[in-house]
C-alpha atoms as a PDB file:
ATOM      1  CA  MET A   1     -10.681  17.888  36.842  1.00  0.00           C
ATOM      2  CA  GLU A   2      -9.862  21.002  34.956  1.00  0.00           C
ATOM      3  CA  LEU A   3     -12.028  20.137  32.116  1.00  0.00           C
ATOM      4  CA  MET A   4     -14.868  19.216  34.581  1.00  0.00           C
ATOM      5  CA  GLN A   5     -14.575  22.451  36.254  1.00  0.00           C
ATOM      6  CA  TRP A   6     -14.378  24.446  32.931  1.00  0.00           C
ATOM      7  CA  SER A   7     -17.502  22.787  31.665  1.00  0.00           C
ATOM      8  CA  GLY A   8     -19.360  23.502  34.824  1.00  0.00           C
ATOM      9  CA  HIS A   9     -19.973  19.836  35.679  1.00  0.00           C
ATOM     10  CA  SER A  10     -20.337  18.903  39.392  1.00  0.00           C
ATOM     11  CA  SER A  11     -19.442  15.291  38.832  1.00  0.00           C
ATOM     12  CA  PRO A  12     -16.658  13.629  36.937  1.00  0.00           C
ATOM     13  CA  SER A  13     -18.997  11.039  35.498  1.00  0.00           C
ATOM     14  CA  SER A  14     -20.914  13.686  33.741  1.00  0.00           C
ATOM     15  CA  THR A  15     -17.630  14.972  31.946  1.00  0.00           C
ATOM     16  CA  LEU A  16     -16.666  11.419  31.155  1.00  0.00           C
ATOM     17  CA  HIS A  17     -20.194  10.846  29.525  1.00  0.00           C
ATOM     18  CA  TYR A  18     -19.466  13.727  27.006  1.00  0.00           C
ATOM     19  CA  ILE A  19     -15.893  12.890  26.229  1.00  0.00           C
ATOM     20  CA  ARG A  20     -16.369   9.077  26.061  1.00  0.00           C
ATOM     21  CA  ILE A  21     -16.037   7.606  22.433  1.00  0.00           C
ATOM     22  CA  ARG A  22     -19.023   5.589  21.605  1.00  0.00           C
ATOM     23  CA  PRO A  23     -18.333   2.257  19.672  1.00  0.00           C
ATOM     24  CA  THR A  24     -20.624   3.202  16.969  1.00  0.00           C
ATOM     25  CA  LYS A  25     -18.808   6.462  16.381  1.00  0.00           C
ATOM     26  CA  LEU A  26     -15.398   4.806  16.531  1.00  0.00           C
ATOM     27  CA  ALA A  27     -16.505   2.330  13.912  1.00  0.00           C
ATOM     28  CA  ALA A  28     -17.728   4.990  11.765  1.00  0.00           C
ATOM     29  CA  SER A  29     -14.373   6.723  11.996  1.00  0.00           C
ATOM     30  CA  PHE A  30     -12.571   3.669  10.937  1.00  0.00           C
ATOM     31  CA  VAL A  31     -14.963   3.183   7.973  1.00  0.00           C
ATOM     32  CA  LYS A  32     -14.386   6.717   6.906  1.00  0.00           C
ATOM     33  CA  ALA A  33     -10.592   6.604   7.236  1.00  0.00           C
ATOM     34  CA  ASP A  34     -10.468   3.370   5.137  1.00  0.00           C
ATOM     35  CA  GLN A  35     -12.600   4.504   2.259  1.00  0.00           C
ATOM     36  CA  MET A  36      -9.754   5.663   0.253  1.00  0.00           C
ATOM     37  CA  SER A  37      -6.874   3.429   1.499  1.00  0.00           C
ATOM     38  CA  HIS A  38      -5.855  -0.106   1.491  1.00  0.00           C
ATOM     39  CA  MET A  39      -3.293  -1.874   3.752  1.00  0.00           C
ATOM     40  CA  VAL A  40      -0.259  -3.435   1.984  1.00  0.00           C
ATOM     41  CA  SER A  41       2.176  -5.641   3.538  1.00  0.00           C
ATOM     42  CA  VAL A  42       5.794  -4.353   3.159  1.00  0.00           C
ATOM     43  CA  LEU A  43       9.109  -6.244   3.869  1.00  0.00           C
ATOM     44  CA  ILE A  44      11.994  -3.963   4.903  1.00  0.00           C
ATOM     45  CA  ASP A  45      15.560  -5.376   4.564  1.00  0.00           C
ATOM     46  CA  GLN A  46      17.454  -4.000   7.631  1.00  0.00           C
ATOM     47  CA  ASP A  47      20.734  -5.433   6.269  1.00  0.00           C
ATOM     48  CA  VAL A  48      20.656  -3.247   3.211  1.00  0.00           C
ATOM     49  CA  ILE A  49      19.863  -0.158   5.328  1.00  0.00           C
ATOM     50  CA  ALA A  50      22.786  -0.954   7.813  1.00  0.00           C
ATOM     51  CA  ARG A  51      25.221  -1.288   4.833  1.00  0.00           C
ATOM     52  CA  HIS A  52      24.178   2.008   3.483  1.00  0.00           C
ATOM     53  CA  SER A  53      23.805   0.376   0.109  1.00  0.00           C
ATOM     54  CA  SER A  54      21.878   1.747  -2.767  1.00  0.00           C
ATOM     55  CA  ASP A  55      20.129  -1.476  -3.214  1.00  0.00           C
ATOM     56  CA  PRO A  56      16.300  -1.584  -2.801  1.00  0.00           C
ATOM     57  CA  TYR A  57      15.304  -2.292   0.869  1.00  0.00           C
ATOM     58  CA  THR A  58      11.566  -2.052   0.778  1.00  0.00           C
ATOM     59  CA  PHE A  59       9.579  -4.865  -0.992  1.00  0.00           C
ATOM     60  CA  TYR A  60       5.810  -4.291  -1.438  1.00  0.00           C
ATOM     61  CA  ASP A  61       3.910  -7.703  -1.277  1.00  0.00           C
ATOM     62  CA  LEU A  62       1.671  -7.881  -4.321  1.00  0.00           C
ATOM     63  CA  GLY A  63       0.400 -11.363  -3.886  1.00  0.00           C
ATOM     64  CA  ASP A  64       2.378 -13.358  -6.336  1.00  0.00           C
ATOM     65  CA  SER A  65       5.430 -11.083  -6.439  1.00  0.00           C
ATOM     66  CA  TYR A  66       7.122  -8.255  -4.650  1.00  0.00           C
ATOM     67  CA  CYS A  67       7.824  -4.679  -5.955  1.00  0.00           C
ATOM     68  CA  SER A  68      11.148  -3.131  -5.075  1.00  0.00           C
ATOM     69  CA  ASN A  69      10.207   0.278  -6.199  1.00  0.00           C
ATOM     70  CA  PRO A  70      10.315   2.570  -2.978  1.00  0.00           C
ATOM     71  CA  PHE A  71       7.627   4.753  -4.577  1.00  0.00           C
ATOM     72  CA  TRP A  72       5.217   1.907  -5.505  1.00  0.00           C
ATOM     73  CA  SER A  73       2.506   3.513  -3.580  1.00  0.00           C
ATOM     74  CA  SER A  74       2.403   6.496  -5.926  1.00  0.00           C
ATOM     75  CA  CYS A  75       3.189   4.525  -9.158  1.00  0.00           C
ATOM     76  CA  PRO A  76       0.371   4.872 -11.564  1.00  0.00           C
ATOM     77  CA  HIS A  77       1.037   1.360 -12.899  1.00  0.00           C
ATOM     78  CA  ARG A  78       0.862  -0.362  -9.460  1.00  0.00           C
ATOM     79  CA  MET A  79      -1.930  -2.653 -10.632  1.00  0.00           C
ATOM     80  CA  ALA A  80      -0.126  -4.003 -13.548  1.00  0.00           C
ATOM     81  CA  CYS A  81       3.426  -4.952 -12.347  1.00  0.00           C
ATOM     82  CA  ALA A  82       4.228  -8.255 -14.165  1.00  0.00           C
ATOM     83  CA  GLY A  83       6.667  -6.799 -16.800  1.00  0.00           C
ATOM     84  CA  CYS A  84       8.338  -4.031 -14.650  1.00  0.00           C
ATOM     85  CA  ASP A  85      12.036  -4.077 -13.853  1.00  0.00           C
ATOM     86  CA  PHE A  86      11.058  -3.506 -10.193  1.00  0.00           C
ATOM     87  CA  ASN A  87       8.938  -6.741 -10.040  1.00  0.00           C
ATOM     88  CA  VAL A  88      10.438  -9.740  -8.213  1.00  0.00           C
ATOM     89  CA  PRO A  89       8.250 -12.893  -8.695  1.00  0.00           C
ATOM     90  CA  LYS A  90       7.868 -14.854  -5.422  1.00  0.00           C
ATOM     91  CA  ALA A  91       8.919 -18.162  -7.064  1.00  0.00           C
ATOM     92  CA  SER A  92      12.246 -16.602  -7.938  1.00  0.00           C
ATOM     93  CA  ALA A  93      15.534 -17.363  -5.895  1.00  0.00           C
ATOM     94  CA  ARG A  94      15.799 -13.644  -4.989  1.00  0.00           C
ATOM     95  CA  ALA A  95      12.345 -13.441  -3.378  1.00  0.00           C
ATOM     96  CA  GLN A  96      12.755 -16.860  -1.467  1.00  0.00           C
ATOM     97  CA  ALA A  97      16.147 -15.611  -0.123  1.00  0.00           C
ATOM     98  CA  LEU A  98      14.606 -12.160   0.888  1.00  0.00           C
ATOM     99  CA  GLU A  99      11.885 -14.055   2.656  1.00  0.00           C
ATOM    100  CA  SER A 100      14.270 -16.204   4.601  1.00  0.00           C
ATOM    101  CA  LYS A 101      16.515 -13.422   5.869  1.00  0.00           C
ATOM    102  CA  ALA A 102      16.149 -12.844   9.510  1.00  0.00           C
ATOM    103  CA  SER A 103      16.669  -9.104   9.139  1.00  0.00           C
ATOM    104  CA  ILE A 104      13.365  -8.689   7.407  1.00  0.00           C
ATOM    105  CA  GLY A 105      10.736  -6.555   9.117  1.00  0.00           C
ATOM    106  CA  HIS A 106       7.169  -7.023   8.208  1.00  0.00           C
ATOM    107  CA  TYR A 107       5.050  -3.892   8.099  1.00  0.00           C
ATOM    108  CA  LEU A 108       1.758  -2.639   6.927  1.00  0.00           C
ATOM    109  CA  GLU A 109       1.425   0.565   4.761  1.00  0.00           C
ATOM    110  CA  ALA A 110      -1.754   2.415   3.935  1.00  0.00           C
ATOM    111  CA  VAL A 111      -1.966   3.167   0.292  1.00  0.00           C
ATOM    112  CA  PRO A 112      -4.460   5.649  -0.978  1.00  0.00           C
ATOM    113  CA  LEU A 113      -6.423   4.373  -3.832  1.00  0.00           C
ATOM    114  CA  THR A 114      -7.799   6.159  -6.971  1.00  0.00           C
ATOM    115  CA  ALA A 115     -11.492   5.607  -7.645  1.00  0.00           C
ATOM    116  CA  ASP A 116     -10.569   3.112 -10.493  1.00  0.00           C
ATOM    117  CA  GLU A 117      -8.302   1.237  -8.342  1.00  0.00           C
ATOM    118  CA  ARG A 118     -10.962   1.071  -5.509  1.00  0.00           C
ATOM    119  CA  ALA A 119     -13.360  -0.359  -8.035  1.00  0.00           C
ATOM    120  CA  ILE A 120     -10.896  -2.992  -9.006  1.00  0.00           C
ATOM    121  CA  VAL A 121     -10.138  -4.086  -5.450  1.00  0.00           C
ATOM    122  CA  GLU A 122     -13.848  -4.437  -4.902  1.00  0.00           C
ATOM    123  CA  GLY A 123     -13.898  -6.799  -7.997  1.00  0.00           C
ATOM    124  CA  ASP A 124     -14.970  -4.764 -10.997  1.00  0.00           C
ATOM    125  CA  LEU A 125     -12.986  -6.450 -13.881  1.00  0.00           C
ATOM    126  CA  ALA A 126     -14.369  -4.079 -16.375  1.00  0.00           C
ATOM    127  CA  LYS A 127     -12.758  -1.236 -14.516  1.00  0.00           C
ATOM    128  CA  LEU A 128      -9.399  -3.332 -14.519  1.00  0.00           C
ATOM    129  CA  ASP A 129      -9.553  -3.539 -18.335  1.00  0.00           C
ATOM    130  CA  GLY A 130     -10.336   0.290 -18.610  1.00  0.00           C
ATOM    131  CA  LEU A 131      -7.392   1.122 -16.309  1.00  0.00           C
ATOM    132  CA  ARG A 132      -5.118  -1.108 -18.213  1.00  0.00           C
ATOM    133  CA  ARG A 133      -6.163   0.608 -21.575  1.00  0.00           C
ATOM    134  CA  LYS A 134      -5.856   4.177 -19.982  1.00  0.00           C
ATOM    135  CA  LEU A 135      -2.241   3.357 -18.781  1.00  0.00           C
ATOM    136  CA  ASP A 136      -0.972   1.658 -21.962  1.00  0.00           C
ATOM    137  CA  ASP A 137       0.951   4.792 -23.071  1.00  0.00           C
ATOM    138  CA  VAL A 138       1.869   6.321 -19.690  1.00  0.00           C
ATOM    139  CA  PRO A 139       5.600   5.666 -18.987  1.00  0.00           C
ATOM    140  CA  THR A 140       6.652   3.526 -16.029  1.00  0.00           C
ATOM    141  CA  LEU A 141       9.527   4.739 -13.797  1.00  0.00           C
ATOM    142  CA  ASP A 142      12.107   3.193 -16.021  1.00  0.00           C
ATOM    143  CA  GLY A 143      10.667   5.265 -18.921  1.00  0.00           C
ATOM    144  CA  ARG A 144       9.049   2.278 -20.973  1.00  0.00           C
ATOM    145  CA  THR A 145       5.278   2.184 -21.460  1.00  0.00           C
ATOM    146  CA  PRO A 146       3.420  -1.115 -20.662  1.00  0.00           C
ATOM    147  CA  SER A 147       2.903  -1.592 -24.441  1.00  0.00           C
ATOM    148  CA  GLN A 148       6.529  -1.501 -24.947  1.00  0.00           C
ATOM    149  CA  ILE A 149       7.210  -3.935 -21.976  1.00  0.00           C
ATOM    150  CA  GLU A 150       4.605  -6.350 -23.353  1.00  0.00           C
ATOM    151  CA  ALA A 151       6.121  -6.188 -26.924  1.00  0.00           C
ATOM    152  CA  LYS A 152       9.605  -6.931 -25.364  1.00  0.00           C
ATOM    153  CA  ASN A 153       8.228  -9.886 -23.342  1.00  0.00           C
ATOM    154  CA  ASN A 154       6.259 -11.371 -26.465  1.00  0.00           C
ATOM    155  CA  ARG A 155       9.591 -11.518 -28.575  1.00  0.00           C
END
């Protein structure tokens, strides 16, 4: 009522006409909000939190594996996780035990994407190769570069 009086409208329907969100405007807002983010499934192990343990408790679902790095969303190597120490393959006993725990919460997290990552998500394989080359000598969180990890795995 206060808004109606303040705006000088004589009828509440006039005020509602101006403040109602139109479906097209709402859809445009969602598109704009999603342009630089991607939703990622995250498992949270409540048992680890309850124990106040230093064990990892967040596991980002990467499709064929999980990443136990709590800062995965800001990791420059998040598109190439296979050789990283934080990577937990879904076929492993650890991942299967994690998935079967009753204390696991399933959440979604919005992750901002760089322009290169956005192109990769949209299917540009040349961009994927370019990003991998660009990150070859950038250290991961454990201090090793992807080149060093690959060399260790090929031994």
